[in-house]
């Protein structure tokens, strides 16, 4: 009888911990997944921009598609400091501007933008526009080979 009580307490603790861990969200992973709706456009812009700077051709697009080549990754990581997304939406608008800022290690930057319906924006961006009542939001975009995924 003396072993049953600690066993039941341990079992209860196990299920409580498991419950809370299963509810734990990973916002970074969620954001990476959400930004996937914009990735075809992001890849196109980066392909053109980096193509002019690095002359990587098709190997760059293969790296974006999940087949990273060590030479491509090294060249891109050496040339690009960061990639940022800026979302601009005014209260009366049903569309938002999405600006892609590519900041290079040499201090130069390249910016392109497109217009998207608000319904096409990532969920967290739409929610932040509603909750925060702002006109500009920023997100950092990571290259596919640099993303860290965690198992839930």
N, C-alpha and C. Protein backbone atom coordinates (compact mmCIF):
# COMPACT_ATOMS: atom_id res chain seq x y z
N UNK A 1 0.82 -1.20 0.00
CA UNK A 1 0.00 0.00 0.00
C UNK A 1 0.86 1.26 0.00
N UNK A 2 2.03 1.18 0.63
CA UNK A 2 2.87 2.37 0.74
C UNK A 2 3.48 2.75 -0.62
N UNK A 3 3.59 1.82 -1.57
CA UNK A 3 4.12 2.13 -2.89
C UNK A 3 3.05 2.60 -3.87
N UNK A 4 1.81 2.32 -3.59
CA UNK A 4 0.73 2.68 -4.49
C UNK A 4 0.54 4.20 -4.53
N UNK A 5 0.58 4.85 -3.39
CA UNK A 5 0.36 6.29 -3.33
C UNK A 5 1.45 7.07 -4.10
N UNK A 6 2.74 6.79 -3.90
CA UNK A 6 3.75 7.50 -4.70
C UNK A 6 3.63 7.18 -6.20
N UNK A 7 3.26 5.95 -6.52
CA UNK A 7 3.08 5.58 -7.93
C UNK A 7 1.96 6.40 -8.56
N UNK A 8 0.83 6.52 -7.88
CA UNK A 8 -0.30 7.29 -8.40
C UNK A 8 0.05 8.78 -8.51
N UNK A 9 0.78 9.30 -7.53
CA UNK A 9 1.19 10.70 -7.56
C UNK A 9 2.13 10.94 -8.75
N UNK A 10 3.06 10.04 -8.98
CA UNK A 10 3.98 10.15 -10.11
C UNK A 10 3.25 10.07 -11.44
N UNK A 11 2.28 9.16 -11.52
CA UNK A 11 1.49 9.01 -12.73
C UNK A 11 0.68 10.28 -13.02
N UNK A 12 0.08 10.84 -11.98
CA UNK A 12 -0.68 12.08 -12.14
C UNK A 12 0.23 13.22 -12.60
N UNK A 13 1.40 13.31 -11.99
CA UNK A 13 2.36 14.35 -12.37
C UNK A 13 2.80 14.19 -13.83
N UNK A 14 3.03 12.96 -14.25
CA UNK A 14 3.41 12.69 -15.63
C UNK A 14 2.35 13.22 -16.60
N UNK A 15 1.07 12.93 -16.34
CA UNK A 15 0.01 13.36 -17.24
C UNK A 15 -0.19 14.88 -17.21
N UNK A 16 0.01 15.49 -16.07
CA UNK A 16 -0.10 16.95 -15.97
C UNK A 16 1.00 17.61 -16.80
N UNK A 17 2.23 17.15 -16.64
CA UNK A 17 3.35 17.71 -17.40
C UNK A 17 3.14 17.48 -18.89
N UNK A 18 2.72 16.31 -19.25
CA UNK A 18 2.48 16.00 -20.67
C UNK A 18 1.39 16.90 -21.26
N UNK A 19 0.35 17.16 -20.48
CA UNK A 19 -0.74 18.02 -20.94
C UNK A 19 -0.22 19.43 -21.23
N UNK A 20 0.54 19.99 -20.29
CA UNK A 20 1.04 21.35 -20.48
C UNK A 20 2.08 21.44 -21.59
N UNK A 21 2.89 20.44 -21.75
CA UNK A 21 3.87 20.46 -22.84
C UNK A 21 3.20 20.34 -24.20
N UNK A 22 2.10 19.60 -24.28
CA UNK A 22 1.41 19.47 -25.56
C UNK A 22 0.71 20.76 -25.95
N UNK A 23 0.39 21.60 -24.99
CA UNK A 23 -0.27 22.88 -25.26
C UNK A 23 0.73 23.98 -25.57
N UNK A 24 2.00 23.73 -25.28
CA UNK A 24 3.03 24.75 -25.49
C UNK A 24 3.13 25.07 -26.97
N UNK A 25 3.08 26.33 -27.29
CA UNK A 25 3.18 26.77 -28.68
C UNK A 25 4.59 27.23 -28.96
N UNK A 26 4.98 27.13 -30.21
CA UNK A 26 6.28 27.63 -30.62
C UNK A 26 6.04 28.74 -31.65
N UNK A 27 5.94 29.98 -31.19
CA UNK A 27 5.61 31.06 -32.10
C UNK A 27 6.56 31.20 -33.28
N UNK A 28 7.83 30.96 -33.09
CA UNK A 28 8.79 31.09 -34.20
C UNK A 28 8.43 30.09 -35.30
N UNK A 29 8.14 28.84 -34.90
CA UNK A 29 7.77 27.84 -35.90
C UNK A 29 6.44 28.19 -36.56
N UNK A 30 5.49 28.71 -35.77
CA UNK A 30 4.22 29.12 -36.34
C UNK A 30 4.42 30.22 -37.36
N UNK A 31 5.30 31.19 -37.05
CA UNK A 31 5.54 32.30 -37.97
C UNK A 31 6.22 31.81 -39.24
N UNK A 32 7.16 30.90 -39.11
CA UNK A 32 7.82 30.36 -40.29
C UNK A 32 6.78 29.71 -41.19
N UNK A 33 5.88 28.93 -40.59
CA UNK A 33 4.84 28.27 -41.36
C UNK A 33 3.90 29.30 -41.99
N UNK A 34 3.53 30.33 -41.23
CA UNK A 34 2.62 31.34 -41.75
C UNK A 34 3.22 32.12 -42.92
N UNK A 35 4.50 32.41 -42.84
CA UNK A 35 5.13 33.17 -43.91
C UNK A 35 5.27 32.36 -45.19
N UNK A 36 4.98 31.07 -45.12
CA UNK A 36 5.06 30.21 -46.30
C UNK A 36 4.15 30.70 -47.42
N UNK A 37 3.04 31.38 -47.09
CA UNK A 37 2.15 31.88 -48.14
C UNK A 37 2.82 32.95 -48.98
N UNK A 38 3.84 33.60 -48.44
CA UNK A 38 4.55 34.65 -49.17
C UNK A 38 5.84 34.15 -49.82
N UNK A 39 6.22 32.92 -49.53
CA UNK A 39 7.53 32.44 -49.97
C UNK A 39 7.74 32.37 -51.48
N UNK A 40 6.75 32.04 -52.30
CA UNK A 40 7.03 32.07 -53.74
C UNK A 40 7.50 33.46 -54.20
N UNK A 41 6.85 34.49 -53.72
CA UNK A 41 7.25 35.86 -54.06
C UNK A 41 8.62 36.19 -53.47
N UNK A 42 8.84 35.81 -52.21
CA UNK A 42 10.13 36.07 -51.56
C UNK A 42 11.26 35.38 -52.33
N UNK A 43 11.05 34.12 -52.70
CA UNK A 43 12.07 33.38 -53.45
C UNK A 43 12.36 34.03 -54.80
N UNK A 44 11.31 34.50 -55.46
CA UNK A 44 11.50 35.16 -56.76
C UNK A 44 12.35 36.42 -56.62
N UNK A 45 12.00 37.25 -55.63
CA UNK A 45 12.75 38.50 -55.41
C UNK A 45 14.20 38.20 -55.03
N UNK A 46 14.38 37.27 -54.09
CA UNK A 46 15.74 36.93 -53.67
C UNK A 46 16.53 36.30 -54.81
N UNK A 47 15.87 35.49 -55.62
CA UNK A 47 16.54 34.87 -56.76
C UNK A 47 17.08 35.91 -57.73
N UNK A 48 16.25 36.92 -58.04
CA UNK A 48 16.70 37.99 -58.94
C UNK A 48 17.81 38.82 -58.30
N UNK A 49 17.59 39.19 -57.03
CA UNK A 49 18.53 40.07 -56.34
C UNK A 49 19.87 39.39 -56.13
N UNK A 50 19.84 38.17 -55.61
CA UNK A 50 21.09 37.45 -55.35
C UNK A 50 21.72 36.97 -56.65
N UNK A 51 20.89 36.72 -57.66
CA UNK A 51 21.41 36.32 -58.96
C UNK A 51 22.33 37.38 -59.55
N UNK A 52 21.96 38.65 -59.34
CA UNK A 52 22.80 39.74 -59.84
C UNK A 52 24.10 39.84 -59.05
N UNK A 53 24.01 39.58 -57.75
CA UNK A 53 25.19 39.75 -56.89
C UNK A 53 26.11 38.53 -56.88
N UNK A 54 25.52 37.33 -56.90
CA UNK A 54 26.32 36.13 -56.64
C UNK A 54 26.45 35.17 -57.82
N UNK A 55 25.62 35.29 -58.83
CA UNK A 55 25.68 34.41 -60.00
C UNK A 55 25.58 32.93 -59.60
N UNK A 56 24.48 32.58 -58.92
CA UNK A 56 24.30 31.19 -58.47
C UNK A 56 23.32 30.40 -59.33
N UNK A 57 22.52 31.08 -60.12
CA UNK A 57 21.60 30.41 -61.03
C UNK A 57 20.61 29.48 -60.35
N UNK A 58 20.38 28.34 -60.99
CA UNK A 58 19.39 27.37 -60.51
C UNK A 58 19.72 26.78 -59.14
N UNK A 59 21.01 26.76 -58.80
CA UNK A 59 21.40 26.17 -57.51
C UNK A 59 20.76 26.93 -56.35
N UNK A 60 20.54 28.24 -56.52
CA UNK A 60 19.90 29.04 -55.48
C UNK A 60 18.46 28.60 -55.29
N UNK A 61 17.73 28.40 -56.39
CA UNK A 61 16.33 27.98 -56.28
C UNK A 61 16.20 26.58 -55.71
N UNK A 62 17.16 25.71 -55.99
CA UNK A 62 17.16 24.38 -55.38
C UNK A 62 17.36 24.48 -53.88
N UNK A 63 18.21 25.40 -53.46
CA UNK A 63 18.44 25.60 -52.02
C UNK A 63 17.16 26.10 -51.35
N UNK A 64 16.43 27.00 -52.01
CA UNK A 64 15.15 27.47 -51.47
C UNK A 64 14.13 26.35 -51.40
N UNK A 65 14.23 25.39 -52.33
CA UNK A 65 13.28 24.29 -52.38
C UNK A 65 13.62 23.16 -51.41
N UNK A 66 14.67 23.33 -50.62
CA UNK A 66 14.99 22.32 -49.62
C UNK A 66 16.18 21.46 -49.94
N UNK A 67 16.92 21.78 -50.99
CA UNK A 67 18.12 21.04 -51.36
C UNK A 67 19.34 21.95 -51.27
N UNK A 68 19.72 22.36 -50.06
CA UNK A 68 20.81 23.33 -49.95
C UNK A 68 22.16 22.73 -50.33
N UNK A 69 22.90 23.49 -51.09
CA UNK A 69 24.26 23.15 -51.51
C UNK A 69 25.18 23.98 -50.61
N UNK A 70 26.22 23.36 -50.07
CA UNK A 70 27.11 24.04 -49.13
C UNK A 70 27.71 25.31 -49.72
N UNK A 71 28.06 25.29 -51.00
CA UNK A 71 28.64 26.48 -51.64
C UNK A 71 27.62 27.61 -51.74
N UNK A 72 26.37 27.24 -52.05
CA UNK A 72 25.31 28.24 -52.16
C UNK A 72 25.03 28.86 -50.80
N UNK A 73 24.87 28.01 -49.79
CA UNK A 73 24.59 28.50 -48.44
C UNK A 73 25.70 29.43 -47.97
N UNK A 74 26.94 29.04 -48.18
CA UNK A 74 28.08 29.86 -47.77
C UNK A 74 28.07 31.21 -48.49
N UNK A 75 27.81 31.20 -49.79
CA UNK A 75 27.79 32.45 -50.56
C UNK A 75 26.66 33.36 -50.11
N UNK A 76 25.47 32.80 -49.91
CA UNK A 76 24.32 33.61 -49.50
C UNK A 76 24.52 34.15 -48.09
N UNK A 77 24.93 33.29 -47.17
CA UNK A 77 25.14 33.73 -45.79
C UNK A 77 26.24 34.79 -45.70
N UNK A 78 27.23 34.70 -46.58
CA UNK A 78 28.29 35.70 -46.59
C UNK A 78 27.86 37.03 -47.18
N UNK A 79 26.85 37.00 -48.05
CA UNK A 79 26.41 38.23 -48.72
C UNK A 79 25.24 38.92 -48.03
N UNK A 80 24.35 38.13 -47.42
CA UNK A 80 23.11 38.69 -46.86
C UNK A 80 23.21 38.78 -45.34
N UNK A 81 22.96 39.97 -44.82
CA UNK A 81 22.94 40.16 -43.37
C UNK A 81 21.60 39.70 -42.81
N UNK A 82 20.49 40.16 -43.43
CA UNK A 82 19.17 39.76 -42.96
C UNK A 82 18.12 40.06 -44.03
N UNK A 83 16.98 39.41 -43.89
CA UNK A 83 15.84 39.64 -44.77
C UNK A 83 14.66 39.99 -43.87
N UNK A 84 14.05 41.14 -44.11
CA UNK A 84 12.95 41.60 -43.27
C UNK A 84 11.71 41.82 -44.12
N UNK A 85 10.56 41.55 -43.52
CA UNK A 85 9.28 41.84 -44.15
C UNK A 85 8.63 42.98 -43.39
N UNK A 86 8.11 43.94 -44.12
CA UNK A 86 7.39 45.06 -43.52
C UNK A 86 5.98 45.03 -44.10
N UNK A 87 4.99 45.00 -43.24
CA UNK A 87 3.60 44.99 -43.65
C UNK A 87 3.02 46.37 -43.36
N UNK A 88 2.41 46.99 -44.37
CA UNK A 88 1.84 48.33 -44.21
C UNK A 88 0.36 48.26 -44.57
N UNK A 89 -0.49 48.63 -43.60
CA UNK A 89 -1.94 48.62 -43.84
C UNK A 89 -2.56 49.83 -43.16
N UNK A 90 -3.32 50.56 -43.94
CA UNK A 90 -4.04 51.71 -43.40
C UNK A 90 -5.46 51.27 -43.05
N UNK A 91 -6.03 51.90 -42.04
CA UNK A 91 -7.32 51.47 -41.47
C UNK A 91 -8.42 51.35 -42.51
N UNK A 92 -8.47 52.23 -43.47
CA UNK A 92 -9.56 52.23 -44.45
C UNK A 92 -9.30 51.29 -45.64
N UNK A 93 -8.17 50.65 -45.68
CA UNK A 93 -7.78 49.82 -46.83
C UNK A 93 -8.16 48.35 -46.63
N UNK A 94 -8.46 47.67 -47.72
CA UNK A 94 -8.71 46.22 -47.68
C UNK A 94 -7.50 45.44 -48.18
N UNK A 95 -6.48 46.17 -48.61
CA UNK A 95 -5.23 45.57 -49.06
C UNK A 95 -4.09 46.10 -48.20
N UNK A 96 -3.00 45.37 -48.21
CA UNK A 96 -1.81 45.81 -47.47
C UNK A 96 -0.61 45.70 -48.40
N UNK A 97 0.36 46.54 -48.16
CA UNK A 97 1.62 46.45 -48.88
C UNK A 97 2.56 45.54 -48.10
N UNK A 98 3.25 44.68 -48.81
CA UNK A 98 4.26 43.82 -48.20
C UNK A 98 5.60 44.22 -48.81
N UNK A 99 6.48 44.76 -47.98
CA UNK A 99 7.80 45.20 -48.43
C UNK A 99 8.83 44.15 -48.01
N UNK A 100 9.67 43.76 -48.93
CA UNK A 100 10.76 42.83 -48.65
C UNK A 100 12.06 43.62 -48.68
N UNK A 101 12.74 43.68 -47.53
CA UNK A 101 14.01 44.40 -47.42
C UNK A 101 15.13 43.38 -47.29
N UNK A 102 16.02 43.35 -48.27
CA UNK A 102 17.19 42.49 -48.22
C UNK A 102 18.37 43.38 -47.85
N UNK A 103 18.95 43.12 -46.68
CA UNK A 103 20.07 43.93 -46.20
C UNK A 103 21.35 43.11 -46.38
N UNK A 104 22.28 43.66 -47.15
CA UNK A 104 23.51 42.94 -47.45
C UNK A 104 24.61 43.28 -46.47
N UNK A 105 25.57 42.39 -46.35
CA UNK A 105 26.70 42.57 -45.43
C UNK A 105 27.53 43.81 -45.78
N UNK A 106 27.54 44.20 -47.05
CA UNK A 106 28.33 45.37 -47.45
C UNK A 106 27.61 46.69 -47.17
N UNK A 107 26.45 46.62 -46.52
CA UNK A 107 25.71 47.83 -46.14
C UNK A 107 24.66 48.26 -47.14
N UNK A 108 24.65 47.68 -48.33
CA UNK A 108 23.61 48.03 -49.31
C UNK A 108 22.33 47.29 -48.97
N UNK A 109 21.25 47.79 -49.55
CA UNK A 109 19.97 47.12 -49.33
C UNK A 109 19.15 47.15 -50.60
N UNK A 110 18.29 46.17 -50.72
CA UNK A 110 17.39 46.07 -51.87
C UNK A 110 15.98 45.92 -51.31
N UNK A 111 15.03 46.70 -51.84
CA UNK A 111 13.65 46.63 -51.37
C UNK A 111 12.72 46.47 -52.56
N UNK A 112 11.78 45.56 -52.43
CA UNK A 112 10.69 45.41 -53.39
C UNK A 112 9.41 45.24 -52.60
N UNK A 113 8.29 45.56 -53.24
CA UNK A 113 7.03 45.42 -52.53
C UNK A 113 5.95 44.90 -53.47
N UNK A 114 4.91 44.37 -52.84
CA UNK A 114 3.74 43.89 -53.56
C UNK A 114 2.52 44.23 -52.72
N UNK A 115 1.37 44.16 -53.33
CA UNK A 115 0.12 44.40 -52.61
C UNK A 115 -0.62 43.08 -52.45
N UNK A 116 -1.15 42.84 -51.27
CA UNK A 116 -1.90 41.62 -50.99
C UNK A 116 -3.21 41.99 -50.31
N UNK A 117 -4.24 41.21 -50.57
CA UNK A 117 -5.49 41.38 -49.82
C UNK A 117 -5.20 41.04 -48.36
N UNK A 118 -5.87 41.72 -47.46
CA UNK A 118 -5.64 41.47 -46.03
C UNK A 118 -5.87 40.00 -45.70
N UNK A 119 -6.82 39.38 -46.36
CA UNK A 119 -7.12 37.97 -46.10
C UNK A 119 -5.98 37.05 -46.53
N UNK A 120 -5.07 37.53 -47.37
CA UNK A 120 -3.93 36.73 -47.81
C UNK A 120 -2.72 36.86 -46.89
N UNK A 121 -2.79 37.74 -45.91
CA UNK A 121 -1.67 37.94 -44.99
C UNK A 121 -1.63 36.82 -43.96
N UNK A 122 -0.48 36.56 -43.38
CA UNK A 122 -0.40 35.57 -42.30
C UNK A 122 -1.35 35.95 -41.16
N UNK A 123 -1.92 34.94 -40.51
CA UNK A 123 -2.91 35.15 -39.46
C UNK A 123 -2.37 36.05 -38.36
N UNK A 124 -1.15 35.81 -37.92
CA UNK A 124 -0.60 36.61 -36.82
C UNK A 124 -0.44 38.08 -37.22
N UNK A 125 -0.17 38.34 -38.48
CA UNK A 125 -0.05 39.72 -38.95
C UNK A 125 -1.42 40.38 -38.92
N UNK A 126 -2.44 39.69 -39.42
CA UNK A 126 -3.80 40.25 -39.38
C UNK A 126 -4.23 40.52 -37.94
N UNK A 127 -3.95 39.56 -37.05
CA UNK A 127 -4.32 39.74 -35.65
C UNK A 127 -3.59 40.91 -35.02
N UNK A 128 -2.30 41.06 -35.33
CA UNK A 128 -1.54 42.19 -34.78
C UNK A 128 -2.06 43.53 -35.30
N UNK A 129 -2.45 43.59 -36.57
CA UNK A 129 -3.03 44.83 -37.09
C UNK A 129 -4.31 45.18 -36.32
N UNK A 130 -5.13 44.18 -36.01
CA UNK A 130 -6.37 44.43 -35.29
C UNK A 130 -6.13 44.80 -33.83
N UNK A 131 -5.28 44.04 -33.15
CA UNK A 131 -5.06 44.25 -31.72
C UNK A 131 -4.26 45.51 -31.42
N UNK A 132 -3.22 45.75 -32.19
CA UNK A 132 -2.29 46.84 -31.87
C UNK A 132 -2.67 48.17 -32.51
N UNK A 133 -3.59 48.14 -33.46
CA UNK A 133 -4.03 49.36 -34.14
C UNK A 133 -2.84 50.16 -34.69
N UNK A 134 -1.96 49.47 -35.39
CA UNK A 134 -0.79 50.10 -36.00
C UNK A 134 -0.91 50.02 -37.52
N UNK A 135 -0.09 50.79 -38.22
CA UNK A 135 -0.11 50.73 -39.68
C UNK A 135 1.07 49.94 -40.24
N UNK A 136 2.10 49.68 -39.40
CA UNK A 136 3.28 48.95 -39.87
C UNK A 136 3.64 47.83 -38.89
N UNK A 137 3.95 46.68 -39.46
CA UNK A 137 4.43 45.54 -38.68
C UNK A 137 5.67 44.98 -39.38
N UNK A 138 6.55 44.40 -38.59
CA UNK A 138 7.80 43.86 -39.13
C UNK A 138 7.97 42.41 -38.72
N UNK A 139 8.51 41.61 -39.63
CA UNK A 139 8.84 40.22 -39.35
C UNK A 139 10.19 39.93 -40.00
N UNK A 140 10.97 39.08 -39.36
CA UNK A 140 12.23 38.63 -39.93
C UNK A 140 11.97 37.33 -40.68
N UNK A 141 12.51 37.21 -41.86
CA UNK A 141 12.38 35.98 -42.65
C UNK A 141 13.70 35.24 -42.60
N UNK A 142 13.64 33.93 -42.42
CA UNK A 142 14.85 33.11 -42.36
C UNK A 142 14.96 32.24 -43.59
N UNK A 143 16.18 32.05 -44.05
CA UNK A 143 16.40 31.14 -45.17
C UNK A 143 16.01 29.73 -44.74
N UNK A 144 15.48 28.92 -45.66
CA UNK A 144 15.01 27.58 -45.29
C UNK A 144 16.06 26.73 -44.57
N UNK A 145 17.32 26.86 -44.95
CA UNK A 145 18.36 26.03 -44.33
C UNK A 145 18.74 26.54 -42.94
N UNK A 146 18.30 27.71 -42.55
CA UNK A 146 18.65 28.26 -41.24
C UNK A 146 17.55 28.14 -40.21
N UNK A 147 16.45 27.54 -40.58
CA UNK A 147 15.31 27.44 -39.66
C UNK A 147 15.50 26.30 -38.69
N UNK A 148 15.06 26.55 -37.47
CA UNK A 148 15.10 25.52 -36.43
C UNK A 148 13.67 25.08 -36.14
N UNK A 149 13.45 23.82 -36.25
CA UNK A 149 12.13 23.28 -35.96
C UNK A 149 12.20 22.46 -34.68
N UNK A 150 11.16 22.57 -33.89
CA UNK A 150 11.10 21.77 -32.67
C UNK A 150 9.90 20.86 -32.75
N UNK A 151 10.06 19.68 -32.24
CA UNK A 151 8.95 18.73 -32.21
C UNK A 151 8.01 19.10 -31.07
N UNK A 152 6.74 18.97 -31.33
CA UNK A 152 5.76 19.27 -30.28
C UNK A 152 5.37 18.01 -29.56
